[in-house]
Amino acid sequence: YMNMIFDCNLYANKSSDKLLPHQVFETSALMLNKNSGFDMKYQFNKVHNLKLAAKTVNKVIIEPGETFSFWQLVRRADRHEKYKDGLNLVNGRIVRSYGGGLCQLSNMLFWMFLHTPLTVVERHGHAVEAFPSVTEDLPCGTDATINEGWLDLKVRNETDNTFQIVLGFDDSFMYG
């Protein structure tokens, strides 16, 4: 975070309940993976964590010249309601950890950004694929792992257009 203070980027942090008039891309992701081989409790916890983090990203506006940073927005998502233990990949092993499962949100955001003229300035792929995919139409290599303080997902708006991230949920899917 200290680097972001001095890197001269203007970070997107405003949101608007008024949706922009044009949709660039739409996608969805199944949130519960019954083929993970792990206790479904952690899948339900992941859904809780996804919804909590999405509150800070939903309806964010990325204006020309601004940079979107996943962690700039999500880092305080658990201020009022705590994350739950979910599953994370750590050193090649699946482990329970506080806030686990947020990579599913960063994966979706990256996939959405790839369908826009926004410039990806930071993105990290997972070292290994640890779970069977629940989204069959995503090409290999379109994931975006995140790790607070170390690995971020950032895109810069180098266009003259304003973009808005819109997220939603139902019982089974996360939509973007």
N, C-alpha and C. Protein backbone atom coordinates (compact mmCIF):
# COMPACT_ATOMS: atom_id res chain seq x y z
N TYR A 1 0.82 -1.19 0.00
CA TYR A 1 0.00 0.00 0.00
C TYR A 1 0.87 1.25 0.00
N MET A 2 2.03 1.17 0.61
CA MET A 2 2.93 2.33 0.64
C MET A 2 3.35 2.69 -0.79
N ASN A 3 3.64 1.67 -1.60
CA ASN A 3 4.00 1.95 -3.00
C ASN A 3 2.87 2.66 -3.73
N MET A 4 1.62 2.30 -3.45
CA MET A 4 0.50 2.91 -4.14
C MET A 4 0.33 4.38 -3.75
N ILE A 5 0.80 4.76 -2.59
CA ILE A 5 0.74 6.16 -2.18
C ILE A 5 1.66 7.00 -3.05
N PHE A 6 2.81 6.44 -3.44
CA PHE A 6 3.82 7.20 -4.16
C PHE A 6 3.92 6.88 -5.65
N ASP A 7 3.07 6.01 -6.18
CA ASP A 7 3.24 5.61 -7.58
C ASP A 7 2.60 6.56 -8.59
N CYS A 8 2.02 7.64 -8.15
CA CYS A 8 1.43 8.68 -9.01
C CYS A 8 0.20 8.23 -9.78
N ASN A 9 -0.39 7.10 -9.41
CA ASN A 9 -1.64 6.67 -10.03
C ASN A 9 -2.81 7.29 -9.28
N LEU A 10 -3.83 7.62 -10.03
CA LEU A 10 -5.09 8.05 -9.45
C LEU A 10 -5.97 6.81 -9.41
N TYR A 11 -6.29 6.34 -8.20
CA TYR A 11 -7.02 5.09 -8.05
C TYR A 11 -8.52 5.32 -8.01
N ALA A 12 -9.24 4.49 -8.75
CA ALA A 12 -10.70 4.57 -8.80
C ALA A 12 -11.25 4.23 -7.42
N ASN A 13 -12.09 5.11 -6.89
CA ASN A 13 -12.68 4.84 -5.58
C ASN A 13 -14.09 5.38 -5.45
N LYS A 14 -14.63 5.89 -6.56
CA LYS A 14 -16.00 6.41 -6.53
C LYS A 14 -16.94 5.38 -7.15
N SER A 15 -18.14 5.34 -6.62
CA SER A 15 -19.15 4.46 -7.20
C SER A 15 -20.40 5.29 -7.47
N SER A 16 -21.27 4.74 -8.30
CA SER A 16 -22.51 5.42 -8.63
C SER A 16 -23.63 4.40 -8.74
N ASP A 17 -24.73 4.67 -8.05
CA ASP A 17 -25.90 3.80 -8.16
C ASP A 17 -26.55 3.91 -9.53
N LYS A 18 -26.29 5.03 -10.21
CA LYS A 18 -26.81 5.22 -11.56
C LYS A 18 -25.89 4.47 -12.52
N LEU A 19 -26.44 3.47 -13.20
CA LEU A 19 -25.63 2.65 -14.10
C LEU A 19 -25.35 3.39 -15.40
N LEU A 20 -24.16 3.19 -15.94
CA LEU A 20 -23.82 3.77 -17.22
C LEU A 20 -24.70 3.15 -18.31
N PRO A 21 -24.93 3.85 -19.41
CA PRO A 21 -25.94 3.42 -20.39
C PRO A 21 -25.56 2.24 -21.28
N HIS A 22 -24.29 1.93 -21.42
CA HIS A 22 -23.88 0.87 -22.36
C HIS A 22 -23.17 -0.25 -21.62
N GLN A 23 -23.51 -1.48 -21.98
CA GLN A 23 -22.86 -2.65 -21.41
C GLN A 23 -21.80 -3.14 -22.39
N VAL A 24 -20.59 -3.35 -21.89
CA VAL A 24 -19.48 -3.81 -22.74
C VAL A 24 -19.42 -5.33 -22.76
N PHE A 25 -19.59 -5.96 -21.60
CA PHE A 25 -19.43 -7.41 -21.50
C PHE A 25 -20.22 -7.89 -20.29
N GLU A 26 -20.68 -9.14 -20.36
CA GLU A 26 -21.42 -9.74 -19.25
C GLU A 26 -20.95 -11.18 -19.08
N THR A 27 -20.83 -11.62 -17.84
CA THR A 27 -20.40 -12.99 -17.57
C THR A 27 -21.02 -13.45 -16.26
N SER A 28 -20.86 -14.73 -15.98
CA SER A 28 -21.34 -15.27 -14.71
C SER A 28 -20.41 -16.40 -14.29
N ALA A 29 -20.46 -16.73 -13.01
CA ALA A 29 -19.65 -17.82 -12.48
C ALA A 29 -20.43 -18.55 -11.40
N LEU A 30 -20.46 -19.86 -11.50
CA LEU A 30 -21.07 -20.69 -10.47
C LEU A 30 -20.22 -20.58 -9.21
N MET A 31 -20.84 -20.30 -8.08
CA MET A 31 -20.07 -20.07 -6.85
C MET A 31 -19.77 -21.34 -6.06
N LEU A 32 -20.66 -22.32 -6.08
CA LEU A 32 -20.46 -23.53 -5.29
C LEU A 32 -19.91 -24.64 -6.18
N ASN A 33 -18.76 -25.14 -5.83
CA ASN A 33 -18.11 -26.20 -6.58
C ASN A 33 -18.22 -27.50 -5.79
N LYS A 34 -19.19 -28.30 -6.14
CA LYS A 34 -19.42 -29.56 -5.43
C LYS A 34 -18.35 -30.60 -5.73
N ASN A 35 -17.50 -30.34 -6.73
CA ASN A 35 -16.43 -31.28 -7.10
C ASN A 35 -15.08 -30.91 -6.49
N SER A 36 -15.06 -30.01 -5.53
CA SER A 36 -13.78 -29.58 -4.97
C SER A 36 -13.13 -30.66 -4.11
N GLY A 37 -13.94 -31.55 -3.55
CA GLY A 37 -13.41 -32.58 -2.66
C GLY A 37 -13.24 -32.09 -1.24
N PHE A 38 -13.67 -30.87 -0.95
CA PHE A 38 -13.54 -30.30 0.39
C PHE A 38 -14.92 -30.10 1.00
N ASP A 39 -14.96 -29.98 2.31
CA ASP A 39 -16.20 -29.75 3.04
C ASP A 39 -16.93 -28.55 2.43
N MET A 40 -18.21 -28.72 2.11
CA MET A 40 -19.00 -27.66 1.48
C MET A 40 -19.12 -26.43 2.38
N LYS A 41 -18.88 -26.58 3.66
CA LYS A 41 -18.90 -25.42 4.56
C LYS A 41 -18.00 -24.32 4.04
N TYR A 42 -16.84 -24.70 3.50
CA TYR A 42 -15.89 -23.70 3.01
C TYR A 42 -16.37 -23.06 1.71
N GLN A 43 -17.17 -23.79 0.94
CA GLN A 43 -17.77 -23.21 -0.26
C GLN A 43 -18.81 -22.15 0.14
N PHE A 44 -19.63 -22.45 1.16
CA PHE A 44 -20.62 -21.49 1.62
C PHE A 44 -19.92 -20.27 2.24
N ASN A 45 -18.83 -20.50 2.95
CA ASN A 45 -18.05 -19.39 3.50
C ASN A 45 -17.47 -18.53 2.38
N LYS A 46 -17.03 -19.18 1.30
CA LYS A 46 -16.50 -18.44 0.15
C LYS A 46 -17.56 -17.52 -0.42
N VAL A 47 -18.80 -18.01 -0.54
CA VAL A 47 -19.89 -17.19 -1.06
C VAL A 47 -20.08 -15.96 -0.16
N HIS A 48 -20.05 -16.16 1.14
CA HIS A 48 -20.14 -15.04 2.09
C HIS A 48 -19.02 -14.04 1.81
N ASN A 49 -17.79 -14.54 1.67
CA ASN A 49 -16.64 -13.68 1.43
C ASN A 49 -16.74 -12.93 0.10
N LEU A 50 -17.21 -13.62 -0.94
CA LEU A 50 -17.38 -12.99 -2.25
C LEU A 50 -18.37 -11.83 -2.18
N LYS A 51 -19.48 -12.06 -1.52
CA LYS A 51 -20.50 -11.01 -1.41
C LYS A 51 -20.00 -9.82 -0.61
N LEU A 52 -19.24 -10.10 0.42
CA LEU A 52 -18.69 -9.03 1.26
C LEU A 52 -17.70 -8.19 0.45
N ALA A 53 -16.79 -8.83 -0.24
CA ALA A 53 -15.80 -8.10 -1.04
C ALA A 53 -16.46 -7.37 -2.21
N ALA A 54 -17.47 -7.98 -2.80
CA ALA A 54 -18.14 -7.37 -3.96
C ALA A 54 -18.82 -6.06 -3.59
N LYS A 55 -19.23 -5.91 -2.34
CA LYS A 55 -19.86 -4.65 -1.92
C LYS A 55 -18.94 -3.46 -2.15
N THR A 56 -17.64 -3.66 -2.04
CA THR A 56 -16.70 -2.56 -2.19
C THR A 56 -16.33 -2.29 -3.65
N VAL A 57 -16.59 -3.25 -4.52
CA VAL A 57 -16.23 -3.13 -5.94
C VAL A 57 -17.46 -2.80 -6.79
N ASN A 58 -18.63 -3.24 -6.37
CA ASN A 58 -19.83 -3.08 -7.17
C ASN A 58 -20.12 -1.60 -7.44
N LYS A 59 -20.39 -1.30 -8.70
CA LYS A 59 -20.77 0.02 -9.20
C LYS A 59 -19.62 1.03 -9.17
N VAL A 60 -18.39 0.56 -8.99
CA VAL A 60 -17.23 1.45 -9.04
C VAL A 60 -17.08 1.99 -10.45
N ILE A 61 -16.77 3.26 -10.52
CA ILE A 61 -16.54 3.96 -11.78
C ILE A 61 -15.04 4.06 -12.01
N ILE A 62 -14.60 3.72 -13.22
CA ILE A 62 -13.18 3.87 -13.59
C ILE A 62 -13.14 4.92 -14.69
N GLU A 63 -12.78 6.13 -14.31
CA GLU A 63 -12.76 7.25 -15.24
C GLU A 63 -11.45 7.28 -16.02
N PRO A 64 -11.43 8.02 -17.14
CA PRO A 64 -10.18 8.14 -17.91
C PRO A 64 -9.03 8.60 -17.00
N GLY A 65 -7.90 7.93 -17.14
CA GLY A 65 -6.72 8.25 -16.34
C GLY A 65 -6.66 7.56 -14.99
N GLU A 66 -7.74 6.89 -14.59
CA GLU A 66 -7.75 6.22 -13.29
C GLU A 66 -7.29 4.77 -13.41
N THR A 67 -6.82 4.24 -12.29
CA THR A 67 -6.40 2.85 -12.18
C THR A 67 -7.31 2.16 -11.18
N PHE A 68 -7.81 1.00 -11.57
CA PHE A 68 -8.57 0.15 -10.66
C PHE A 68 -7.58 -0.78 -9.97
N SER A 69 -7.66 -0.88 -8.65
CA SER A 69 -6.87 -1.82 -7.87
C SER A 69 -7.82 -2.64 -7.01
N PHE A 70 -7.75 -3.96 -7.15
CA PHE A 70 -8.59 -4.85 -6.36
C PHE A 70 -8.40 -4.56 -4.88
N TRP A 71 -7.15 -4.55 -4.42
CA TRP A 71 -6.92 -4.41 -2.98
C TRP A 71 -7.15 -3.01 -2.47
N GLN A 72 -7.00 -2.01 -3.31
CA GLN A 72 -7.29 -0.65 -2.88
C GLN A 72 -8.75 -0.55 -2.42
N LEU A 73 -9.62 -1.32 -3.06
CA LEU A 73 -11.04 -1.28 -2.72
C LEU A 73 -11.44 -2.36 -1.71
N VAL A 74 -10.90 -3.55 -1.83
CA VAL A 74 -11.37 -4.70 -1.04
C VAL A 74 -10.70 -4.79 0.32
N ARG A 75 -9.59 -4.15 0.52
CA ARG A 75 -8.81 -4.37 1.75
C ARG A 75 -9.55 -4.10 3.04
N ARG A 76 -10.56 -3.29 3.02
CA ARG A 76 -11.31 -3.01 4.26
C ARG A 76 -12.74 -3.53 4.19
N ALA A 77 -12.97 -4.49 3.30
CA ALA A 77 -14.33 -5.01 3.12
C ALA A 77 -14.87 -5.66 4.39
N ASP A 78 -14.00 -6.16 5.24
CA ASP A 78 -14.45 -6.86 6.45
C ASP A 78 -14.49 -5.96 7.68
N ARG A 79 -14.53 -4.68 7.46
CA ARG A 79 -14.51 -3.72 8.57
C ARG A 79 -15.71 -3.92 9.51
N HIS A 80 -16.90 -4.13 8.95
CA HIS A 80 -18.11 -4.22 9.78
C HIS A 80 -18.63 -5.65 9.91
N GLU A 81 -18.37 -6.45 8.92
CA GLU A 81 -18.83 -7.85 8.93
C GLU A 81 -17.61 -8.70 8.55
N LYS A 82 -17.25 -9.61 9.38
CA LYS A 82 -16.00 -10.36 9.20
C LYS A 82 -16.08 -11.41 8.11
N TYR A 83 -14.96 -11.58 7.41
CA TYR A 83 -14.82 -12.70 6.49
C TYR A 83 -14.88 -14.00 7.28
N LYS A 84 -15.10 -15.08 6.56
CA LYS A 84 -15.10 -16.42 7.15
C LYS A 84 -13.96 -17.22 6.55
N ASP A 85 -13.64 -18.35 7.20
CA ASP A 85 -12.61 -19.23 6.67
C ASP A 85 -13.08 -19.84 5.36
N GLY A 86 -12.27 -19.68 4.34
CA GLY A 86 -12.52 -20.30 3.05
C GLY A 86 -11.27 -21.05 2.65
N LEU A 87 -11.23 -21.49 1.42
CA LEU A 87 -10.07 -22.25 0.95
C LEU A 87 -9.20 -21.37 0.07
N ASN A 88 -7.89 -21.47 0.30
CA ASN A 88 -6.89 -20.75 -0.48
C ASN A 88 -5.78 -21.70 -0.89
N LEU A 89 -5.12 -21.37 -1.96
CA LEU A 89 -3.94 -22.10 -2.40
C LEU A 89 -2.72 -21.41 -1.82
N VAL A 90 -1.98 -22.11 -0.97
CA VAL A 90 -0.79 -21.55 -0.34
C VAL A 90 0.35 -22.55 -0.53
N ASN A 91 1.41 -22.12 -1.20
CA ASN A 91 2.57 -22.97 -1.47
C ASN A 91 2.17 -24.31 -2.09
N GLY A 92 1.22 -24.24 -3.03
CA GLY A 92 0.82 -25.44 -3.75
C GLY A 92 -0.15 -26.35 -3.01
N ARG A 93 -0.61 -25.93 -1.83
CA ARG A 93 -1.55 -26.74 -1.06
C ARG A 93 -2.81 -25.95 -0.77
N ILE A 94 -3.94 -26.64 -0.73
CA ILE A 94 -5.20 -26.01 -0.36
C ILE A 94 -5.30 -25.99 1.16
N VAL A 95 -5.48 -24.78 1.70
CA VAL A 95 -5.58 -24.61 3.15
C VAL A 95 -6.78 -23.72 3.46
N ARG A 96 -7.30 -23.88 4.67
CA ARG A 96 -8.33 -22.97 5.15
C ARG A 96 -7.66 -21.68 5.55
N SER A 97 -8.30 -20.56 5.21
CA SER A 97 -7.76 -19.29 5.65
C SER A 97 -8.85 -18.23 5.68
N TYR A 98 -8.64 -17.25 6.51
CA TYR A 98 -9.56 -16.14 6.68
C TYR A 98 -9.72 -15.42 5.34
N GLY A 99 -10.96 -15.27 4.90
CA GLY A 99 -11.22 -14.58 3.64
C GLY A 99 -10.99 -15.41 2.41
N GLY A 100 -10.85 -16.71 2.56
CA GLY A 100 -10.56 -17.58 1.42
C GLY A 100 -11.64 -17.55 0.36
N GLY A 101 -11.19 -17.67 -0.89
CA GLY A 101 -12.10 -17.73 -2.02
C GLY A 101 -12.23 -16.46 -2.83
N LEU A 102 -11.56 -15.40 -2.41
CA LEU A 102 -11.70 -14.12 -3.11
C LEU A 102 -11.12 -14.14 -4.52
N CYS A 103 -10.27 -15.12 -4.81
CA CYS A 103 -9.73 -15.21 -6.16
C CYS A 103 -10.84 -15.41 -7.19
N GLN A 104 -11.95 -15.98 -6.79
CA GLN A 104 -13.03 -16.16 -7.75
C GLN A 104 -13.54 -14.79 -8.23
N LEU A 105 -13.55 -13.81 -7.34
CA LEU A 105 -13.95 -12.46 -7.73
C LEU A 105 -12.88 -11.82 -8.62
N SER A 106 -11.62 -11.96 -8.24
CA SER A 106 -10.56 -11.38 -9.08
C SER A 106 -10.49 -12.06 -10.44
N ASN A 107 -10.76 -13.37 -10.48
CA ASN A 107 -10.81 -14.08 -11.77
C ASN A 107 -11.90 -13.49 -12.67
N MET A 108 -13.08 -13.29 -12.10
CA MET A 108 -14.19 -12.75 -12.88
C MET A 108 -13.87 -11.34 -13.38
N LEU A 109 -13.32 -10.53 -12.50
CA LEU A 109 -12.97 -9.16 -12.89
C LEU A 109 -11.95 -9.17 -14.03
N PHE A 110 -10.93 -10.01 -13.92
CA PHE A 110 -9.92 -10.09 -14.97
C PHE A 110 -10.55 -10.50 -16.30
N TRP A 111 -11.42 -11.51 -16.27
CA TRP A 111 -12.11 -11.96 -17.48
C TRP A 111 -12.93 -10.81 -18.08
N MET A 112 -13.58 -10.04 -17.24
CA MET A 112 -14.35 -8.89 -17.73
C MET A 112 -13.41 -7.84 -18.32
N PHE A 113 -12.32 -7.55 -17.64
CA PHE A 113 -11.38 -6.53 -18.13
C PHE A 113 -10.79 -6.92 -19.48
N LEU A 114 -10.58 -8.21 -19.70
CA LEU A 114 -10.03 -8.65 -20.98
C LEU A 114 -10.95 -8.33 -22.16
N HIS A 115 -12.21 -8.08 -21.87
CA HIS A 115 -13.18 -7.77 -22.91
C HIS A 115 -13.44 -6.26 -23.04
N THR A 116 -12.54 -5.48 -22.50
CA THR A 116 -12.63 -4.02 -22.58
C THR A 116 -11.30 -3.49 -23.10
N PRO A 117 -11.24 -2.22 -23.44
CA PRO A 117 -9.95 -1.63 -23.84
C PRO A 117 -9.10 -1.18 -22.65
N LEU A 118 -9.49 -1.52 -21.43
CA LEU A 118 -8.68 -1.17 -20.26
C LEU A 118 -7.35 -1.91 -20.33
N THR A 119 -6.30 -1.28 -19.81
CA THR A 119 -4.96 -1.85 -19.86
C THR A 119 -4.65 -2.57 -18.54
N VAL A 120 -4.39 -3.85 -18.62
CA VAL A 120 -4.02 -4.62 -17.43
C VAL A 120 -2.59 -4.25 -17.07
N VAL A 121 -2.39 -3.71 -15.87
CA VAL A 121 -1.06 -3.31 -15.43
C VAL A 121 -0.49 -4.22 -14.35
N GLU A 122 -1.34 -5.01 -13.70
CA GLU A 122 -0.84 -6.03 -12.77
C GLU A 122 -1.84 -7.17 -12.71
N ARG A 123 -1.34 -8.35 -12.91
CA ARG A 123 -2.15 -9.56 -12.84
C ARG A 123 -1.21 -10.74 -12.62
N HIS A 124 -1.60 -11.65 -11.76
CA HIS A 124 -0.79 -12.82 -11.44
C HIS A 124 -1.64 -14.06 -11.61
N GLY A 125 -1.15 -15.03 -12.36
CA GLY A 125 -1.85 -16.30 -12.52
C GLY A 125 -1.54 -17.23 -11.37
N HIS A 126 -2.44 -18.15 -11.12
CA HIS A 126 -2.20 -19.17 -10.10
C HIS A 126 -1.06 -20.08 -10.57
N ALA A 127 -0.25 -20.53 -9.65
CA ALA A 127 0.87 -21.41 -9.99
C ALA A 127 0.37 -22.77 -10.47
N VAL A 128 -0.72 -23.23 -9.86
CA VAL A 128 -1.32 -24.51 -10.25
C VAL A 128 -2.83 -24.36 -10.19
N GLU A 129 -3.53 -25.19 -10.96
CA GLU A 129 -4.99 -25.20 -10.86
C GLU A 129 -5.35 -26.24 -9.81
N ALA A 130 -5.93 -25.77 -8.72
CA ALA A 130 -6.15 -26.65 -7.57
C ALA A 130 -7.56 -27.22 -7.50
N PHE A 131 -8.52 -26.56 -8.12
CA PHE A 131 -9.91 -27.01 -8.07
C PHE A 131 -10.38 -27.33 -9.48
N PRO A 132 -11.26 -28.30 -9.62
CA PRO A 132 -11.89 -28.49 -10.93
C PRO A 132 -12.67 -27.22 -11.29
N SER A 133 -12.59 -26.81 -12.54
CA SER A 133 -13.26 -25.59 -12.97
C SER A 133 -14.77 -25.76 -12.92
N VAL A 134 -15.45 -24.67 -12.52
CA VAL A 134 -16.91 -24.66 -12.55
C VAL A 134 -17.41 -23.83 -13.73
N THR A 135 -16.49 -23.24 -14.47
CA THR A 135 -16.85 -22.43 -15.63
C THR A 135 -16.15 -23.01 -16.83
N GLU A 136 -16.89 -23.70 -17.67
CA GLU A 136 -16.29 -24.43 -18.78
C GLU A 136 -15.86 -23.54 -19.93
N ASP A 137 -16.41 -22.34 -20.05
CA ASP A 137 -16.10 -21.50 -21.20
C ASP A 137 -14.91 -20.58 -21.00
N LEU A 138 -14.25 -20.63 -19.83
CA LEU A 138 -13.07 -19.79 -19.60
C LEU A 138 -11.83 -20.48 -20.14
N PRO A 139 -11.09 -19.80 -21.02
CA PRO A 139 -9.85 -20.38 -21.51
C PRO A 139 -8.81 -20.49 -20.39
N CYS A 140 -7.94 -21.46 -20.51
CA CYS A 140 -6.85 -21.65 -19.54
C CYS A 140 -6.01 -20.37 -19.50
N GLY A 141 -5.58 -19.98 -18.31
CA GLY A 141 -4.72 -18.80 -18.18
C GLY A 141 -5.48 -17.50 -18.02
N THR A 142 -6.78 -17.57 -17.75
CA THR A 142 -7.54 -16.34 -17.56
C THR A 142 -7.90 -16.14 -16.09
N ASP A 143 -7.07 -16.67 -15.21
CA ASP A 143 -7.28 -16.49 -13.79
C ASP A 143 -6.45 -15.30 -13.30
N ALA A 144 -6.74 -14.85 -12.11
CA ALA A 144 -6.01 -13.72 -11.53
C ALA A 144 -5.98 -13.90 -10.02
N THR A 145 -4.90 -14.49 -9.53
CA THR A 145 -4.78 -14.68 -8.10
C THR A 145 -4.44 -13.35 -7.43
N ILE A 146 -4.85 -13.24 -6.18
CA ILE A 146 -4.57 -12.03 -5.40
C ILE A 146 -4.09 -12.47 -4.01
N ASN A 147 -3.26 -11.64 -3.41
CA ASN A 147 -2.77 -11.89 -2.06
C ASN A 147 -2.50 -10.52 -1.46
N GLU A 148 -3.25 -10.14 -0.45
CA GLU A 148 -3.16 -8.78 0.06
C GLU A 148 -1.74 -8.39 0.43
N GLY A 149 -1.35 -7.25 -0.08
CA GLY A 149 -0.02 -6.73 0.17
C GLY A 149 1.05 -7.24 -0.79
N TRP A 150 0.72 -8.27 -1.58
CA TRP A 150 1.71 -8.87 -2.47
C TRP A 150 1.26 -8.93 -3.91
N LEU A 151 0.09 -9.48 -4.13
CA LEU A 151 -0.41 -9.71 -5.49
C LEU A 151 -1.73 -8.99 -5.67
N ASP A 152 -1.80 -8.11 -6.66
CA ASP A 152 -2.99 -7.32 -6.88
C ASP A 152 -3.48 -7.54 -8.31
N LEU A 153 -4.67 -7.10 -8.59
CA LEU A 153 -5.20 -7.03 -9.94
C LEU A 153 -5.45 -5.55 -10.20
N LYS A 154 -4.76 -5.01 -11.20
CA LYS A 154 -4.89 -3.59 -11.51
C LYS A 154 -5.09 -3.41 -13.01
N VAL A 155 -5.98 -2.47 -13.35
CA VAL A 155 -6.16 -2.05 -14.74
C VAL A 155 -6.20 -0.53 -14.77
N ARG A 156 -5.69 0.01 -15.86
CA ARG A 156 -5.68 1.46 -16.04
C ARG A 156 -6.60 1.82 -17.20
N ASN A 157 -7.33 2.89 -17.02
CA ASN A 157 -8.20 3.38 -18.08
C ASN A 157 -7.43 4.43 -18.89
N GLU A 158 -6.89 3.99 -20.01
CA GLU A 158 -6.14 4.89 -20.89
C GLU A 158 -7.00 5.35 -22.06
N THR A 159 -8.31 5.22 -21.91
CA THR A 159 -9.24 5.63 -22.97
C THR A 159 -9.90 6.95 -22.58
N ASP A 160 -10.76 7.44 -23.45
CA ASP A 160 -11.56 8.63 -23.16
C ASP A 160 -12.93 8.27 -22.59
N ASN A 161 -13.16 6.99 -22.35
CA ASN A 161 -14.45 6.51 -21.88
C ASN A 161 -14.42 6.20 -20.39
N THR A 162 -15.57 6.26 -19.77
CA THR A 162 -15.73 5.88 -18.37
C THR A 162 -16.33 4.48 -18.32
N PHE A 163 -15.82 3.64 -17.43
CA PHE A 163 -16.29 2.27 -17.26
C PHE A 163 -16.84 2.10 -15.85
N GLN A 164 -17.74 1.14 -15.71
CA GLN A 164 -18.33 0.85 -14.41
C GLN A 164 -18.39 -0.66 -14.22
N ILE A 165 -18.03 -1.11 -13.05
CA ILE A 165 -18.12 -2.53 -12.70
C ILE A 165 -19.47 -2.74 -12.02
N VAL A 166 -20.22 -3.73 -12.50
CA VAL A 166 -21.51 -4.05 -11.89
C VAL A 166 -21.50 -5.54 -11.55
N LEU A 167 -21.77 -5.85 -10.30
CA LEU A 167 -21.77 -7.22 -9.82
C LEU A 167 -23.11 -7.55 -9.19
N GLY A 168 -23.51 -8.80 -9.28
CA GLY A 168 -24.75 -9.25 -8.67
C GLY A 168 -24.66 -10.73 -8.33
N PHE A 169 -25.62 -11.17 -7.53
CA PHE A 169 -25.62 -12.56 -7.06
C PHE A 169 -27.03 -13.10 -7.06
N ASP A 170 -27.15 -14.41 -7.27
CA ASP A 170 -28.36 -15.13 -6.91
C ASP A 170 -27.90 -16.30 -6.05
N ASP A 171 -28.71 -17.29 -5.86
CA ASP A 171 -28.35 -18.40 -4.97
C ASP A 171 -27.17 -19.22 -5.48
N SER A 172 -26.96 -19.25 -6.79
CA SER A 172 -25.93 -20.11 -7.36
C SER A 172 -24.80 -19.39 -8.07
N PHE A 173 -25.11 -18.22 -8.63
CA PHE A 173 -24.15 -17.55 -9.51
C PHE A 173 -23.77 -16.15 -9.03
N MET A 174 -22.56 -15.77 -9.40
CA MET A 174 -22.09 -14.40 -9.29
C MET A 174 -22.09 -13.86 -10.72
N TYR A 175 -22.60 -12.64 -10.90
CA TYR A 175 -22.72 -12.04 -12.23
C TYR A 175 -21.87 -10.78 -12.31
N GLY A 176 -21.33 -10.54 -13.48
CA GLY A 176 -20.56 -9.31 -13.70
C GLY A 176 -20.85 -8.76 -15.07
